[in-house]
Amino acid sequence: MMNWMKETYRANSAAHIYYFGFILAGLLYVVAGMNFDELSAYFKMDRASSAKGGFAKIRIRATTADLKALLPMATLLGSADLLNDGHWNKGEMFEKIITERYTTEQWVKDSVPFFKAGDAEINGEQVQIKLNGAELTNEKILHRYFG
């Protein structure tokens, strides 16, 4: 199941460059420009609750050891408190921070699916912006659109 989901996502994604964020020791970091294979090292299978359909999903879950190993490639963005906003969740705030730091665009929350566009355009490339713990996709979405 994981391989099918991973390869279906990869084949249909509109963006293959990732800005991967994480919190370590109360600080917020980003590794800019990861490719799919690099990010997929941190994929874990998970399941939605039965109340939400129980579908299999892929989550990005790097361990503390993984995060420490990424530090030499990471850029410090500041305190993890940057993600605390009463209006947006942490993933949305991370997307806002990255969009506004690496582009001249003002971030706007949207619901464009991964197969139509990336989360932002940075240096002329569509990119996905993901915070550690984020759901990449789920079985229901992949079956609905890609069979």
C-alpha atoms as a PDB file:
ATOM      1  CA  MET A   1       0.000   0.000   0.000  1.00  0.00           C
ATOM      2  CA  MET A   2       2.746   2.474   0.973  1.00  0.00           C
ATOM      3  CA  ASN A   3       4.636   1.980  -2.305  1.00  0.00           C
ATOM      4  CA  TRP A   4       1.496   2.460  -4.413  1.00  0.00           C
ATOM      5  CA  MET A   5       0.525   5.587  -2.497  1.00  0.00           C
ATOM      6  CA  LYS A   6       4.047   7.001  -2.611  1.00  0.00           C
ATOM      7  CA  GLU A   7       4.522   6.371  -6.335  1.00  0.00           C
ATOM      8  CA  THR A   8       1.031   7.619  -7.229  1.00  0.00           C
ATOM      9  CA  TYR A   9       1.668  10.826  -5.310  1.00  0.00           C
ATOM     10  CA  ARG A  10       5.070  11.262  -6.921  1.00  0.00           C
ATOM     11  CA  ALA A  11       3.781  10.625 -10.455  1.00  0.00           C
ATOM     12  CA  ASN A  12       0.937  13.125 -10.120  1.00  0.00           C
ATOM     13  CA  SER A  13       2.421  15.880  -7.963  1.00  0.00           C
ATOM     14  CA  ALA A  14       2.701  19.317  -9.541  1.00  0.00           C
ATOM     15  CA  ALA A  15       5.821  20.042  -7.469  1.00  0.00           C
ATOM     16  CA  HIS A  16       8.878  17.923  -6.785  1.00  0.00           C
ATOM     17  CA  ILE A  17      10.873  20.318  -4.643  1.00  0.00           C
ATOM     18  CA  TYR A  18      10.160  20.488  -0.919  1.00  0.00           C
ATOM     19  CA  TYR A  19      10.733  23.018   1.832  1.00  0.00           C
ATOM     20  CA  PHE A  20      10.725  20.795   4.903  1.00  0.00           C
ATOM     21  CA  GLY A  21      10.289  22.447   8.269  1.00  0.00           C
ATOM     22  CA  PHE A  22      10.844  21.105  11.730  1.00  0.00           C
ATOM     23  CA  ILE A  23      11.080  22.133  15.354  1.00  0.00           C
ATOM     24  CA  LEU A  24      14.074  21.120  17.434  1.00  0.00           C
ATOM     25  CA  ALA A  25      14.814  22.414  20.938  1.00  0.00           C
ATOM     26  CA  GLY A  26      12.152  25.103  20.595  1.00  0.00           C
ATOM     27  CA  LEU A  27      13.578  26.466  17.341  1.00  0.00           C
ATOM     28  CA  LEU A  28      12.055  26.398  13.862  1.00  0.00           C
ATOM     29  CA  TYR A  29      14.203  25.272  10.922  1.00  0.00           C
ATOM     30  CA  VAL A  30      13.717  24.695   7.203  1.00  0.00           C
ATOM     31  CA  VAL A  31      15.639  22.509   4.790  1.00  0.00           C
ATOM     32  CA  ALA A  32      15.047  24.183   1.441  1.00  0.00           C
ATOM     33  CA  GLY A  33      15.133  22.352  -1.864  1.00  0.00           C
ATOM     34  CA  MET A  34      14.790  18.716  -0.818  1.00  0.00           C
ATOM     35  CA  ASN A  35      13.782  16.328  -3.569  1.00  0.00           C
ATOM     36  CA  PHE A  36      11.126  13.634  -3.260  1.00  0.00           C
ATOM     37  CA  ASP A  37      13.576  10.822  -2.526  1.00  0.00           C
ATOM     38  CA  GLU A  38      15.233  12.814   0.254  1.00  0.00           C
ATOM     39  CA  LEU A  39      11.908  13.675   1.873  1.00  0.00           C
ATOM     40  CA  SER A  40      10.461  10.169   1.418  1.00  0.00           C
ATOM     41  CA  ALA A  41      13.062   8.827   3.859  1.00  0.00           C
ATOM     42  CA  TYR A  42      10.792  10.323   6.551  1.00  0.00           C
ATOM     43  CA  PHE A  43       7.460   8.943   5.305  1.00  0.00           C
ATOM     44  CA  LYS A  44       5.426   6.822   7.695  1.00  0.00           C
ATOM     45  CA  MET A  45       2.135   5.030   7.139  1.00  0.00           C
ATOM     46  CA  ASP A  46      -0.643   6.108   9.408  1.00  0.00           C
ATOM     47  CA  ARG A  47      -4.421   5.718   9.534  1.00  0.00           C
ATOM     48  CA  ALA A  48      -7.153   8.264   9.914  1.00  0.00           C
ATOM     49  CA  SER A  49      -9.477   7.637  12.836  1.00  0.00           C
ATOM     50  CA  SER A  50     -12.463   5.414  12.130  1.00  0.00           C
ATOM     51  CA  ALA A  51     -14.663   8.504  12.549  1.00  0.00           C
ATOM     52  CA  LYS A  52     -12.787  10.029   9.589  1.00  0.00           C
ATOM     53  CA  GLY A  53     -12.993   6.887   7.451  1.00  0.00           C
ATOM     54  CA  GLY A  54      -9.953   4.943   8.660  1.00  0.00           C
ATOM     55  CA  PHE A  55      -8.086   5.533   5.398  1.00  0.00           C
ATOM     56  CA  ALA A  56      -4.361   4.884   5.133  1.00  0.00           C
ATOM     57  CA  LYS A  57      -2.303   8.054   4.884  1.00  0.00           C
ATOM     58  CA  ILE A  58       1.301   9.038   4.447  1.00  0.00           C
ATOM     59  CA  ARG A  59       2.697  11.349   7.084  1.00  0.00           C
ATOM     60  CA  ILE A  60       6.079  12.995   7.224  1.00  0.00           C
ATOM     61  CA  ARG A  61       7.525  11.979  10.589  1.00  0.00           C
ATOM     62  CA  ALA A  62      11.235  12.493  11.048  1.00  0.00           C
ATOM     63  CA  THR A  63      12.648  11.363  14.376  1.00  0.00           C
ATOM     64  CA  THR A  64      14.714  13.587  16.658  1.00  0.00           C
ATOM     65  CA  ALA A  65      17.845  11.791  15.432  1.00  0.00           C
ATOM     66  CA  ASP A  66      16.781  12.484  11.821  1.00  0.00           C
ATOM     67  CA  LEU A  67      16.250  16.157  12.625  1.00  0.00           C
ATOM     68  CA  LYS A  68      19.651  16.473  14.285  1.00  0.00           C
ATOM     69  CA  ALA A  69      21.231  14.936  11.175  1.00  0.00           C
ATOM     70  CA  LEU A  70      19.444  17.543   9.009  1.00  0.00           C
ATOM     71  CA  LEU A  71      20.759  20.525  11.018  1.00  0.00           C
ATOM     72  CA  PRO A  72      23.851  21.123   8.833  1.00  0.00           C
ATOM     73  CA  MET A  73      21.540  21.600   5.808  1.00  0.00           C
ATOM     74  CA  ALA A  74      18.891  23.594   7.660  1.00  0.00           C
ATOM     75  CA  THR A  75      18.279  27.320   7.964  1.00  0.00           C
ATOM     76  CA  LEU A  76      17.191  28.639  11.344  1.00  0.00           C
ATOM     77  CA  LEU A  77      13.990  30.659  10.996  1.00  0.00           C
ATOM     78  CA  GLY A  78      13.621  31.596  14.658  1.00  0.00           C
ATOM     79  CA  SER A  79      11.658  30.490  17.666  1.00  0.00           C
ATOM     80  CA  ALA A  80       9.005  27.807  17.228  1.00  0.00           C
ATOM     81  CA  ASP A  81       6.653  30.448  18.666  1.00  0.00           C
ATOM     82  CA  LEU A  82       6.488  31.840  15.110  1.00  0.00           C
ATOM     83  CA  LEU A  83       4.012  29.023  14.419  1.00  0.00           C
ATOM     84  CA  ASN A  84       1.633  30.048  17.190  1.00  0.00           C
ATOM     85  CA  ASP A  85      -1.220  32.000  15.716  1.00  0.00           C
ATOM     86  CA  GLY A  86      -4.784  31.903  16.916  1.00  0.00           C
ATOM     87  CA  HIS A  87      -6.101  31.902  13.373  1.00  0.00           C
ATOM     88  CA  TRP A  88      -3.960  29.364  11.469  1.00  0.00           C
ATOM     89  CA  ASN A  89      -2.662  25.910  12.355  1.00  0.00           C
ATOM     90  CA  LYS A  90       1.105  25.280  12.522  1.00  0.00           C
ATOM     91  CA  GLY A  91       1.313  23.878   8.993  1.00  0.00           C
ATOM     92  CA  GLU A  92      -0.496  26.893   7.582  1.00  0.00           C
ATOM     93  CA  MET A  93       1.719  29.261   9.546  1.00  0.00           C
ATOM     94  CA  PHE A  94       4.820  27.465   8.285  1.00  0.00           C
ATOM     95  CA  GLU A  95       3.575  27.770   4.704  1.00  0.00           C
ATOM     96  CA  LYS A  96       2.947  31.493   5.296  1.00  0.00           C
ATOM     97  CA  ILE A  97       6.422  32.025   6.781  1.00  0.00           C
ATOM     98  CA  ILE A  98       8.175  30.241   3.903  1.00  0.00           C
ATOM     99  CA  THR A  99       6.094  31.896   1.181  1.00  0.00           C
ATOM    100  CA  GLU A 100       6.691  35.357   2.571  1.00  0.00           C
ATOM    101  CA  ARG A 101      10.396  34.727   3.243  1.00  0.00           C
ATOM    102  CA  TYR A 102      11.318  33.183  -0.122  1.00  0.00           C
ATOM    103  CA  THR A 103       8.946  35.034  -2.480  1.00  0.00           C
ATOM    104  CA  THR A 104       7.553  38.520  -2.928  1.00  0.00           C
ATOM    105  CA  GLU A 105       4.026  37.127  -2.680  1.00  0.00           C
ATOM    106  CA  GLN A 106       1.673  37.676   0.209  1.00  0.00           C
ATOM    107  CA  TRP A 107       0.564  34.230   1.418  1.00  0.00           C
ATOM    108  CA  VAL A 108      -3.101  33.369   0.957  1.00  0.00           C
ATOM    109  CA  LYS A 109      -4.628  30.185   2.359  1.00  0.00           C
ATOM    110  CA  ASP A 110      -5.943  28.010  -0.426  1.00  0.00           C
ATOM    111  CA  SER A 111      -7.135  24.485  -0.987  1.00  0.00           C
ATOM    112  CA  VAL A 112      -5.472  23.770  -4.337  1.00  0.00           C
ATOM    113  CA  PRO A 113      -4.687  20.015  -4.461  1.00  0.00           C
ATOM    114  CA  PHE A 114      -1.102  18.787  -4.785  1.00  0.00           C
ATOM    115  CA  PHE A 115      -1.700  17.572  -8.344  1.00  0.00           C
ATOM    116  CA  LYS A 116      -2.778  21.025  -9.616  1.00  0.00           C
ATOM    117  CA  ALA A 117      -0.018  23.231  -8.150  1.00  0.00           C
ATOM    118  CA  GLY A 118       2.611  23.456  -5.451  1.00  0.00           C
ATOM    119  CA  ASP A 119       2.165  25.493  -2.292  1.00  0.00           C
ATOM    120  CA  ALA A 120       4.258  28.343  -3.718  1.00  0.00           C
ATOM    121  CA  GLU A 121       6.496  29.266  -6.616  1.00  0.00           C
ATOM    122  CA  ILE A 122      10.065  29.911  -5.512  1.00  0.00           C
ATOM    123  CA  ASN A 123      12.816  30.770  -8.002  1.00  0.00           C
ATOM    124  CA  GLY A 124      10.499  29.869 -10.883  1.00  0.00           C
ATOM    125  CA  GLU A 125       9.737  26.381  -9.516  1.00  0.00           C
ATOM    126  CA  GLN A 126       6.584  25.005  -7.921  1.00  0.00           C
ATOM    127  CA  VAL A 127       7.426  23.777  -4.407  1.00  0.00           C
ATOM    128  CA  GLN A 128       5.623  21.935  -1.638  1.00  0.00           C
ATOM    129  CA  ILE A 129       5.977  23.357   1.875  1.00  0.00           C
ATOM    130  CA  LYS A 130       5.658  20.751   4.618  1.00  0.00           C
ATOM    131  CA  LEU A 131       6.183  20.805   8.364  1.00  0.00           C
ATOM    132  CA  ASN A 132       7.289  17.646  10.180  1.00  0.00           C
ATOM    133  CA  GLY A 133       4.153  15.699  11.124  1.00  0.00           C
ATOM    134  CA  ALA A 134       2.190  16.835   8.066  1.00  0.00           C
ATOM    135  CA  GLU A 135      -0.026  14.489   6.111  1.00  0.00           C
ATOM    136  CA  LEU A 136       1.291  14.231   2.567  1.00  0.00           C
ATOM    137  CA  THR A 137      -1.743  12.478   1.106  1.00  0.00           C
ATOM    138  CA  ASN A 138      -4.195   9.709   1.841  1.00  0.00           C
ATOM    139  CA  GLU A 139      -5.633   6.644   0.205  1.00  0.00           C
ATOM    140  CA  LYS A 140      -9.070   8.215  -0.324  1.00  0.00           C
ATOM    141  CA  ILE A 141      -7.682  11.148  -2.324  1.00  0.00           C
ATOM    142  CA  LEU A 142      -5.406   8.948  -4.427  1.00  0.00           C
ATOM    143  CA  HIS A 143      -8.196   6.490  -5.270  1.00  0.00           C
ATOM    144  CA  ARG A 144     -10.644   9.299  -6.068  1.00  0.00           C
ATOM    145  CA  TYR A 145      -8.367  11.008  -8.583  1.00  0.00           C
ATOM    146  CA  PHE A 146      -5.956   8.326  -9.788  1.00  0.00           C
ATOM    147  CA  GLY A 147      -7.728   5.027  -9.441  1.00  0.00           C
END
